Amino acid sequence: MNTTSDYQPPLAHYFSELEARYGDAFSFDRLNDEELLELERLGRDAIERDPRVSAVEKANLKPLLTLIEMQRRKRGLVASGGTTH
């Protein structure tokens, strides 16, 4: 029985996986490139496309994308749109 109030976006499940994998040592620096980019993809999906994520949750997730972008720049990774920043 999955009601809207019980809904957790895939991003929440992925964070749970990362927390289980890294425990107290979790940080953006420890994530490999694939994990970082997956976190960005799921974050963008939650903010831009998931109608079950509330407006408040979407606003609260925006700093996550800022942190991911900073980490991506630090690593020289290509942005979602195919360019480096």
PDB file of N, CA and C in Angstrom:
ATOM      1  N   MET A   1       0.845  -1.171   0.000  1.00  0.00           N
ATOM      2  CA  MET A   1       0.000   0.000   0.000  1.00  0.00           C
ATOM      3  C   MET A   1       0.894   1.238   0.000  1.00  0.00           C
ATOM      4  N   ASN A   2       1.040   1.869  -1.129  1.00  0.00           N
ATOM      5  CA  ASN A   2       1.932   3.007  -1.273  1.00  0.00           C
ATOM      6  C   ASN A   2       1.117   4.254  -1.548  1.00  0.00           C
ATOM      7  N   THR A   3       0.837   5.031  -0.515  1.00  0.00           N
ATOM      8  CA  THR A   3       0.109   6.278  -0.686  1.00  0.00           C
ATOM      9  C   THR A   3       1.111   7.380  -0.982  1.00  0.00           C
ATOM     10  N   THR A   4       0.601   8.522  -1.391  1.00  0.00           N
ATOM     11  CA  THR A   4       1.477   9.650  -1.705  1.00  0.00           C
ATOM     12  C   THR A   4       2.323  10.032  -0.501  1.00  0.00           C
ATOM     13  N   SER A   5       1.749   9.985   0.710  1.00  0.00           N
ATOM     14  CA  SER A   5       2.516  10.365   1.905  1.00  0.00           C
ATOM     15  C   SER A   5       3.621   9.347   2.213  1.00  0.00           C
ATOM     16  N   ASP A   6       3.486   8.117   1.728  1.00  0.00           N
ATOM     17  CA  ASP A   6       4.498   7.087   1.941  1.00  0.00           C
ATOM     18  C   ASP A   6       5.548   7.070   0.832  1.00  0.00           C
ATOM     19  N   TYR A   7       5.322   7.821  -0.211  1.00  0.00           N
ATOM     20  CA  TYR A   7       6.193   7.782  -1.390  1.00  0.00           C
ATOM     21  C   TYR A   7       7.570   8.334  -1.078  1.00  0.00           C
ATOM     22  N   GLN A   8       8.571   7.615  -1.519  1.00  0.00           N
ATOM     23  CA  GLN A   8       9.951   8.103  -1.476  1.00  0.00           C
ATOM     24  C   GLN A   8      10.498   8.012  -2.892  1.00  0.00           C
ATOM     25  N   PRO A   9      11.020   9.118  -3.411  1.00  0.00           N
ATOM     26  CA  PRO A   9      11.572   9.088  -4.768  1.00  0.00           C
ATOM     27  C   PRO A   9      12.805   8.189  -4.835  1.00  0.00           C
ATOM     28  N   PRO A  10      13.150   7.734  -6.030  1.00  0.00           N
ATOM     29  CA  PRO A  10      14.344   6.906  -6.186  1.00  0.00           C
ATOM     30  C   PRO A  10      15.594   7.537  -5.564  1.00  0.00           C
ATOM     31  N   LEU A  11      15.658   8.846  -5.531  1.00  0.00           N
ATOM     32  CA  LEU A  11      16.782   9.538  -4.907  1.00  0.00           C
ATOM     33  C   LEU A  11      16.933   9.129  -3.442  1.00  0.00           C
ATOM     34  N   ALA A  12      15.833   9.030  -2.723  1.00  0.00           N
ATOM     35  CA  ALA A  12      15.885   8.650  -1.310  1.00  0.00           C
ATOM     36  C   ALA A  12      16.428   7.236  -1.149  1.00  0.00           C
ATOM     37  N   HIS A  13      16.001   6.342  -2.015  1.00  0.00           N
ATOM     38  CA  HIS A  13      16.499   4.968  -1.956  1.00  0.00           C
ATOM     39  C   HIS A  13      17.994   4.911  -2.274  1.00  0.00           C
ATOM     40  N   TYR A  14      18.432   5.718  -3.245  1.00  0.00           N
ATOM     41  CA  TYR A  14      19.846   5.728  -3.614  1.00  0.00           C
ATOM     42  C   TYR A  14      20.694   6.276  -2.469  1.00  0.00           C
ATOM     43  N   PHE A  15      20.201   7.332  -1.798  1.00  0.00           N
ATOM     44  CA  PHE A  15      20.919   7.856  -0.642  1.00  0.00           C
ATOM     45  C   PHE A  15      21.045   6.786   0.436  1.00  0.00           C
ATOM     46  N   SER A  16      19.995   5.998   0.627  1.00  0.00           N
ATOM     47  CA  SER A  16      20.051   4.913   1.616  1.00  0.00           C
ATOM     48  C   SER A  16      21.133   3.902   1.243  1.00  0.00           C
ATOM     49  N   GLU A  17      21.225   3.584  -0.043  1.00  0.00           N
ATOM     50  CA  GLU A  17      22.267   2.663  -0.510  1.00  0.00           C
ATOM     51  C   GLU A  17      23.661   3.228  -0.244  1.00  0.00           C
ATOM     52  N   LEU A  18      23.835   4.514  -0.554  1.00  0.00           N
ATOM     53  CA  LEU A  18      25.141   5.149  -0.347  1.00  0.00           C
ATOM     54  C   LEU A  18      25.496   5.202   1.136  1.00  0.00           C
ATOM     55  N   GLU A  19      24.516   5.508   1.962  1.00  0.00           N
ATOM     56  CA  GLU A  19      24.766   5.547   3.404  1.00  0.00           C
ATOM     57  C   GLU A  19      25.127   4.157   3.933  1.00  0.00           C
ATOM     58  N   ALA A  20      24.473   3.136   3.405  1.00  0.00           N
ATOM     59  CA  ALA A  20      24.797   1.766   3.818  1.00  0.00           C
ATOM     60  C   ALA A  20      26.208   1.392   3.369  1.00  0.00           C
ATOM     61  N   ARG A  21      26.585   1.844   2.172  1.00  0.00           N
ATOM     62  CA  ARG A  21      27.899   1.526   1.611  1.00  0.00           C
ATOM     63  C   ARG A  21      29.019   2.260   2.336  1.00  0.00           C
ATOM     64  N   TYR A  22      28.819   3.550   2.622  1.00  0.00           N
ATOM     65  CA  TYR A  22      29.895   4.378   3.168  1.00  0.00           C
ATOM     66  C   TYR A  22      29.776   4.642   4.668  1.00  0.00           C
ATOM     67  N   GLY A  23      28.595   4.450   5.233  1.00  0.00           N
ATOM     68  CA  GLY A  23      28.399   4.684   6.662  1.00  0.00           C
ATOM     69  C   GLY A  23      28.774   6.092   7.074  1.00  0.00           C
ATOM     70  N   ASP A  24      29.461   6.202   8.189  1.00  0.00           N
ATOM     71  CA  ASP A  24      29.866   7.513   8.712  1.00  0.00           C
ATOM     72  C   ASP A  24      30.915   8.192   7.842  1.00  0.00           C
ATOM     73  N   ALA A  25      31.517   7.453   6.931  1.00  0.00           N
ATOM     74  CA  ALA A  25      32.553   8.011   6.057  1.00  0.00           C
ATOM     75  C   ALA A  25      31.952   8.614   4.780  1.00  0.00           C
ATOM     76  N   PHE A  26      30.611   8.706   4.712  1.00  0.00           N
ATOM     77  CA  PHE A  26      29.974   9.251   3.511  1.00  0.00           C
ATOM     78  C   PHE A  26      30.379  10.706   3.299  1.00  0.00           C
ATOM     79  N   SER A  27      30.789  11.011   2.078  1.00  0.00           N
ATOM     80  CA  SER A  27      31.040  12.383   1.651  1.00  0.00           C
ATOM     81  C   SER A  27      31.036  12.388   0.125  1.00  0.00           C
ATOM     82  N   PHE A  28      30.834  13.548  -0.444  1.00  0.00           N
ATOM     83  CA  PHE A  28      30.843  13.653  -1.901  1.00  0.00           C
ATOM     84  C   PHE A  28      32.218  13.314  -2.466  1.00  0.00           C
ATOM     85  N   ASP A  29      33.267  13.605  -1.707  1.00  0.00           N
ATOM     86  CA  ASP A  29      34.623  13.285  -2.150  1.00  0.00           C
ATOM     87  C   ASP A  29      34.851  11.784  -2.279  1.00  0.00           C
ATOM     88  N   ARG A  30      34.184  10.995  -1.477  1.00  0.00           N
ATOM     89  CA  ARG A  30      34.370   9.542  -1.499  1.00  0.00           C
ATOM     90  C   ARG A  30      33.599   8.863  -2.627  1.00  0.00           C
ATOM     91  N   LEU A  31      32.560   9.504  -3.137  1.00  0.00           N
ATOM     92  CA  LEU A  31      31.771   8.898  -4.206  1.00  0.00           C
ATOM     93  C   LEU A  31      32.612   8.775  -5.468  1.00  0.00           C
ATOM     94  N   ASN A  32      32.439   7.667  -6.187  1.00  0.00           N
ATOM     95  CA  ASN A  32      33.116   7.585  -7.479  1.00  0.00           C
ATOM     96  C   ASN A  32      32.307   8.396  -8.491  1.00  0.00           C
ATOM     97  N   ASP A  33      32.856   8.610  -9.669  1.00  0.00           N
ATOM     98  CA  ASP A  33      32.206   9.457 -10.673  1.00  0.00           C
ATOM     99  C   ASP A  33      30.819   8.952 -11.030  1.00  0.00           C
ATOM    100  N   GLU A  34      30.665   7.644 -11.179  1.00  0.00           N
ATOM    101  CA  GLU A  34      29.371   7.073 -11.557  1.00  0.00           C
ATOM    102  C   GLU A  34      28.329   7.320 -10.470  1.00  0.00           C
ATOM    103  N   GLU A  35      28.736   7.162  -9.212  1.00  0.00           N
ATOM    104  CA  GLU A  35      27.804   7.401  -8.104  1.00  0.00           C
ATOM    105  C   GLU A  35      27.393   8.877  -8.065  1.00  0.00           C
ATOM    106  N   LEU A  36      28.342   9.750  -8.264  1.00  0.00           N
ATOM    107  CA  LEU A  36      28.051  11.179  -8.245  1.00  0.00           C
ATOM    108  C   LEU A  36      27.084  11.556  -9.360  1.00  0.00           C
ATOM    109  N   LEU A  37      27.331  11.054 -10.562  1.00  0.00           N
ATOM    110  CA  LEU A  37      26.467  11.378 -11.692  1.00  0.00           C
ATOM    111  C   LEU A  37      25.077  10.761 -11.534  1.00  0.00           C
ATOM    112  N   GLU A  38      24.992   9.581 -10.930  1.00  0.00           N
ATOM    113  CA  GLU A  38      23.684   8.964 -10.667  1.00  0.00           C
ATOM    114  C   GLU A  38      22.922   9.783  -9.631  1.00  0.00           C
ATOM    115  N   LEU A  39      23.604  10.269  -8.635  1.00  0.00           N
ATOM    116  CA  LEU A  39      22.991  11.121  -7.631  1.00  0.00           C
ATOM    117  C   LEU A  39      22.450  12.393  -8.283  1.00  0.00           C
ATOM    118  N   GLU A  40      23.203  12.950  -9.205  1.00  0.00           N
ATOM    119  CA  GLU A  40      22.744  14.142  -9.918  1.00  0.00           C
ATOM    120  C   GLU A  40      21.522  13.828 -10.768  1.00  0.00           C
ATOM    121  N   ARG A  41      21.561  12.720 -11.486  1.00  0.00           N
ATOM    122  CA  ARG A  41      20.432  12.345 -12.345  1.00  0.00           C
ATOM    123  C   ARG A  41      19.162  12.158 -11.519  1.00  0.00           C
ATOM    124  N   LEU A  42      19.272  11.445 -10.422  1.00  0.00           N
ATOM    125  CA  LEU A  42      18.106  11.200  -9.580  1.00  0.00           C
ATOM    126  C   LEU A  42      17.619  12.487  -8.914  1.00  0.00           C
ATOM    127  N   GLY A  43      18.543  13.359  -8.538  1.00  0.00           N
ATOM    128  CA  GLY A  43      18.168  14.642  -7.956  1.00  0.00           C
ATOM    129  C   GLY A  43      17.418  15.515  -8.951  1.00  0.00           C
ATOM    130  N   ARG A  44      17.927  15.585 -10.170  1.00  0.00           N
ATOM    131  CA  ARG A  44      17.244  16.366 -11.211  1.00  0.00           C
ATOM    132  C   ARG A  44      15.868  15.789 -11.506  1.00  0.00           C
ATOM    133  N   ASP A  45      15.785  14.478 -11.548  1.00  0.00           N
ATOM    134  CA  ASP A  45      14.501  13.839 -11.814  1.00  0.00           C
ATOM    135  C   ASP A  45      13.497  14.177 -10.712  1.00  0.00           C
ATOM    136  N   ALA A  46      13.929  14.117  -9.460  1.00  0.00           N
ATOM    137  CA  ALA A  46      13.043  14.436  -8.340  1.00  0.00           C
ATOM    138  C   ALA A  46      12.568  15.884  -8.408  1.00  0.00           C
ATOM    139  N   ILE A  47      13.466  16.788  -8.756  1.00  0.00           N
ATOM    140  CA  ILE A  47      13.135  18.209  -8.784  1.00  0.00           C
ATOM    141  C   ILE A  47      12.341  18.592 -10.029  1.00  0.00           C
ATOM    142  N   GLU A  48      12.740  18.100 -11.171  1.00  0.00           N
ATOM    143  CA  GLU A  48      12.179  18.580 -12.435  1.00  0.00           C
ATOM    144  C   GLU A  48      11.017  17.749 -12.974  1.00  0.00           C
ATOM    145  N   ARG A  49      10.962  16.454 -12.633  1.00  0.00           N
ATOM    146  CA  ARG A  49       9.979  15.612 -13.305  1.00  0.00           C
ATOM    147  C   ARG A  49       9.036  14.822 -12.409  1.00  0.00           C
ATOM    148  N   ASP A  50       9.356  14.670 -11.143  1.00  0.00           N
ATOM    149  CA  ASP A  50       8.554  13.803 -10.282  1.00  0.00           C
ATOM    150  C   ASP A  50       7.412  14.593  -9.649  1.00  0.00           C
ATOM    151  N   PRO A  51       6.178  14.360 -10.099  1.00  0.00           N
ATOM    152  CA  PRO A  51       5.045  15.120  -9.561  1.00  0.00           C
ATOM    153  C   PRO A  51       4.697  14.735  -8.121  1.00  0.00           C
ATOM    154  N   ARG A  52       5.213  13.631  -7.631  1.00  0.00           N
ATOM    155  CA  ARG A  52       4.911  13.203  -6.258  1.00  0.00           C
ATOM    156  C   ARG A  52       5.851  13.820  -5.239  1.00  0.00           C
ATOM    157  N   VAL A  53       6.870  14.549  -5.695  1.00  0.00           N
ATOM    158  CA  VAL A  53       7.767  15.270  -4.793  1.00  0.00           C
ATOM    159  C   VAL A  53       7.172  16.661  -4.605  1.00  0.00           C
ATOM    160  N   SER A  54       6.944  17.033  -3.349  1.00  0.00           N
ATOM    161  CA  SER A  54       6.282  18.308  -3.070  1.00  0.00           C
ATOM    162  C   SER A  54       7.177  19.492  -3.443  1.00  0.00           C
ATOM    163  N   ALA A  55       6.547  20.651  -3.573  1.00  0.00           N
ATOM    164  CA  ALA A  55       7.279  21.873  -3.901  1.00  0.00           C
ATOM    165  C   ALA A  55       8.312  22.196  -2.819  1.00  0.00           C
ATOM    166  N   VAL A  56       7.973  21.941  -1.571  1.00  0.00           N
ATOM    167  CA  VAL A  56       8.907  22.188  -0.465  1.00  0.00           C
ATOM    168  C   VAL A  56      10.103  21.246  -0.581  1.00  0.00           C
ATOM    169  N   GLU A  57       9.845  19.968  -0.856  1.00  0.00           N
ATOM    170  CA  GLU A  57      10.935  19.004  -1.021  1.00  0.00           C
ATOM    171  C   GLU A  57      11.821  19.386  -2.201  1.00  0.00           C
ATOM    172  N   LYS A  58      11.200  19.819  -3.296  1.00  0.00           N
ATOM    173  CA  LYS A  58      11.971  20.233  -4.472  1.00  0.00           C
ATOM    174  C   LYS A  58      12.891  21.401  -4.119  1.00  0.00           C
ATOM    175  N   ALA A  59      12.367  22.376  -3.396  1.00  0.00           N
ATOM    176  CA  ALA A  59      13.179  23.526  -2.981  1.00  0.00           C
ATOM    177  C   ALA A  59      14.315  23.084  -2.061  1.00  0.00           C
ATOM    178  N   ASN A  60      14.038  22.137  -1.176  1.00  0.00           N
ATOM    179  CA  ASN A  60      15.062  21.647  -0.252  1.00  0.00           C
ATOM    180  C   ASN A  60      16.142  20.835  -0.959  1.00  0.00           C
ATOM    181  N   LEU A  61      15.824  20.266  -2.118  1.00  0.00           N
ATOM    182  CA  LEU A  61      16.794  19.460  -2.859  1.00  0.00           C
ATOM    183  C   LEU A  61      17.714  20.298  -3.754  1.00  0.00           C
ATOM    184  N   LYS A  62      17.356  21.519  -4.054  1.00  0.00           N
ATOM    185  CA  LYS A  62      18.174  22.337  -4.952  1.00  0.00           C
ATOM    186  C   LYS A  62      19.618  22.523  -4.475  1.00  0.00           C
ATOM    187  N   PRO A  63      19.866  22.709  -3.179  1.00  0.00           N
ATOM    188  CA  PRO A  63      21.266  22.806  -2.740  1.00  0.00           C
ATOM    189  C   PRO A  63      22.061  21.527  -3.023  1.00  0.00           C
ATOM    190  N   LEU A  64      21.386  20.394  -3.056  1.00  0.00           N
ATOM    191  CA  LEU A  64      22.066  19.139  -3.396  1.00  0.00           C
ATOM    192  C   LEU A  64      22.673  19.240  -4.785  1.00  0.00           C
ATOM    193  N   LEU A  65      21.919  19.762  -5.736  1.00  0.00           N
ATOM    194  CA  LEU A  65      22.437  19.899  -7.097  1.00  0.00           C
ATOM    195  C   LEU A  65      23.598  20.879  -7.151  1.00  0.00           C
ATOM    196  N   THR A  66      23.554  21.904  -6.332  1.00  0.00           N
ATOM    197  CA  THR A  66      24.668  22.860  -6.266  1.00  0.00           C
ATOM    198  C   THR A  66      25.930  22.165  -5.763  1.00  0.00           C
ATOM    199  N   LEU A  67      25.797  21.356  -4.709  1.00  0.00           N
ATOM    200  CA  LEU A  67      26.950  20.627  -4.178  1.00  0.00           C
ATOM    201  C   LEU A  67      27.496  19.629  -5.195  1.00  0.00           C
ATOM    202  N   ILE A  68      26.604  18.958  -5.893  1.00  0.00           N
ATOM    203  CA  ILE A  68      27.034  17.996  -6.910  1.00  0.00           C
ATOM    204  C   ILE A  68      27.753  18.720  -8.040  1.00  0.00           C
ATOM    205  N   GLU A  69      27.228  19.866  -8.449  1.00  0.00           N
ATOM    206  CA  GLU A  69      27.877  20.631  -9.518  1.00  0.00           C
ATOM    207  C   GLU A  69      29.274  21.073  -9.100  1.00  0.00           C
ATOM    208  N   MET A  70      29.417  21.496  -7.862  1.00  0.00           N
ATOM    209  CA  MET A  70      30.734  21.898  -7.368  1.00  0.00           C
ATOM    210  C   MET A  70      31.701  20.710  -7.400  1.00  0.00           C
ATOM    211  N   GLN A  71      31.232  19.546  -6.997  1.00  0.00           N
ATOM    212  CA  GLN A  71      32.067  18.350  -7.009  1.00  0.00           C
ATOM    213  C   GLN A  71      32.415  17.940  -8.447  1.00  0.00           C
ATOM    214  N   ARG A  72      31.429  18.074  -9.347  1.00  0.00           N
ATOM    215  CA  ARG A  72      31.656  17.727 -10.754  1.00  0.00           C
ATOM    216  C   ARG A  72      32.719  18.642 -11.357  1.00  0.00           C
ATOM    217  N   ARG A  73      32.633  19.925 -11.077  1.00  0.00           N
ATOM    218  CA  ARG A  73      33.638  20.882 -11.578  1.00  0.00           C
ATOM    219  C   ARG A  73      35.018  20.553 -11.037  1.00  0.00           C
ATOM    220  N   LYS A  74      35.083  20.244  -9.753  1.00  0.00           N
ATOM    221  CA  LYS A  74      36.343  19.897  -9.104  1.00  0.00           C
ATOM    222  C   LYS A  74      37.008  18.713  -9.803  1.00  0.00           C
ATOM    223  N   ARG A  75      36.188  17.781 -10.262  1.00  0.00           N
ATOM    224  CA  ARG A  75      36.691  16.575 -10.934  1.00  0.00           C
ATOM    225  C   ARG A  75      36.840  16.739 -12.435  1.00  0.00           C
ATOM    226  N   GLY A  76      36.303  17.834 -12.997  1.00  0.00           N
ATOM    227  CA  GLY A  76      36.364  18.036 -14.430  1.00  0.00           C
ATOM    228  C   GLY A  76      35.401  17.150 -15.195  1.00  0.00           C
ATOM    229  N   LEU A  77      34.312  16.758 -14.557  1.00  0.00           N
ATOM    230  CA  LEU A  77      33.322  15.882 -15.210  1.00  0.00           C
ATOM    231  C   LEU A  77      32.420  16.694 -16.130  1.00  0.00           C
ATOM    232  N   VAL A  78      31.980  16.072 -17.190  1.00  0.00           N
ATOM    233  CA  VAL A  78      31.077  16.704 -18.136  1.00  0.00           C
ATOM    234  C   VAL A  78      29.701  16.841 -17.495  1.00  0.00           C
ATOM    235  N   ALA A  79      29.086  17.992 -17.687  1.00  0.00           N
ATOM    236  CA  ALA A  79      27.753  18.247 -17.139  1.00  0.00           C
ATOM    237  C   ALA A  79      26.700  17.438 -17.881  1.00  0.00           C
ATOM    238  N   SER A  80      25.519  17.371 -17.305  1.00  0.00           N
ATOM    239  CA  SER A  80      24.411  16.628 -17.899  1.00  0.00           C
ATOM    240  C   SER A  80      24.137  17.075 -19.332  1.00  0.00           C
ATOM    241  N   GLY A  81      24.285  18.356 -19.597  1.00  0.00           N
ATOM    242  CA  GLY A  81      24.015  18.875 -20.928  1.00  0.00           C
ATOM    243  C   GLY A  81      25.140  18.631 -21.919  1.00  0.00           C
ATOM    244  N   GLY A  82      26.236  17.995 -21.475  1.00  0.00           N
ATOM    245  CA  GLY A  82      27.314  17.650 -22.382  1.00  0.00           C
ATOM    246  C   GLY A  82      28.456  18.640 -22.427  1.00  0.00           C
ATOM    247  N   THR A  83      28.465  19.607 -21.505  1.00  0.00           N
ATOM    248  CA  THR A  83      29.548  20.570 -21.486  1.00  0.00           C
ATOM    249  C   THR A  83      30.194  20.562 -20.112  1.00  0.00           C
ATOM    250  N   THR A  84      31.418  21.042 -20.029  1.00  0.00           N
ATOM    251  CA  THR A  84      32.040  21.201 -18.718  1.00  0.00           C
ATOM    252  C   THR A  84      31.797  22.620 -18.273  1.00  0.00           C
ATOM    253  N   HIS A  85      31.774  22.832 -16.984  1.00  0.00           N
ATOM    254  CA  HIS A  85      31.527  24.173 -16.425  1.00  0.00           C
ATOM    255  C   HIS A  85      32.780  24.695 -15.808  1.00  0.00           C
TER     256      HIS A  85
END
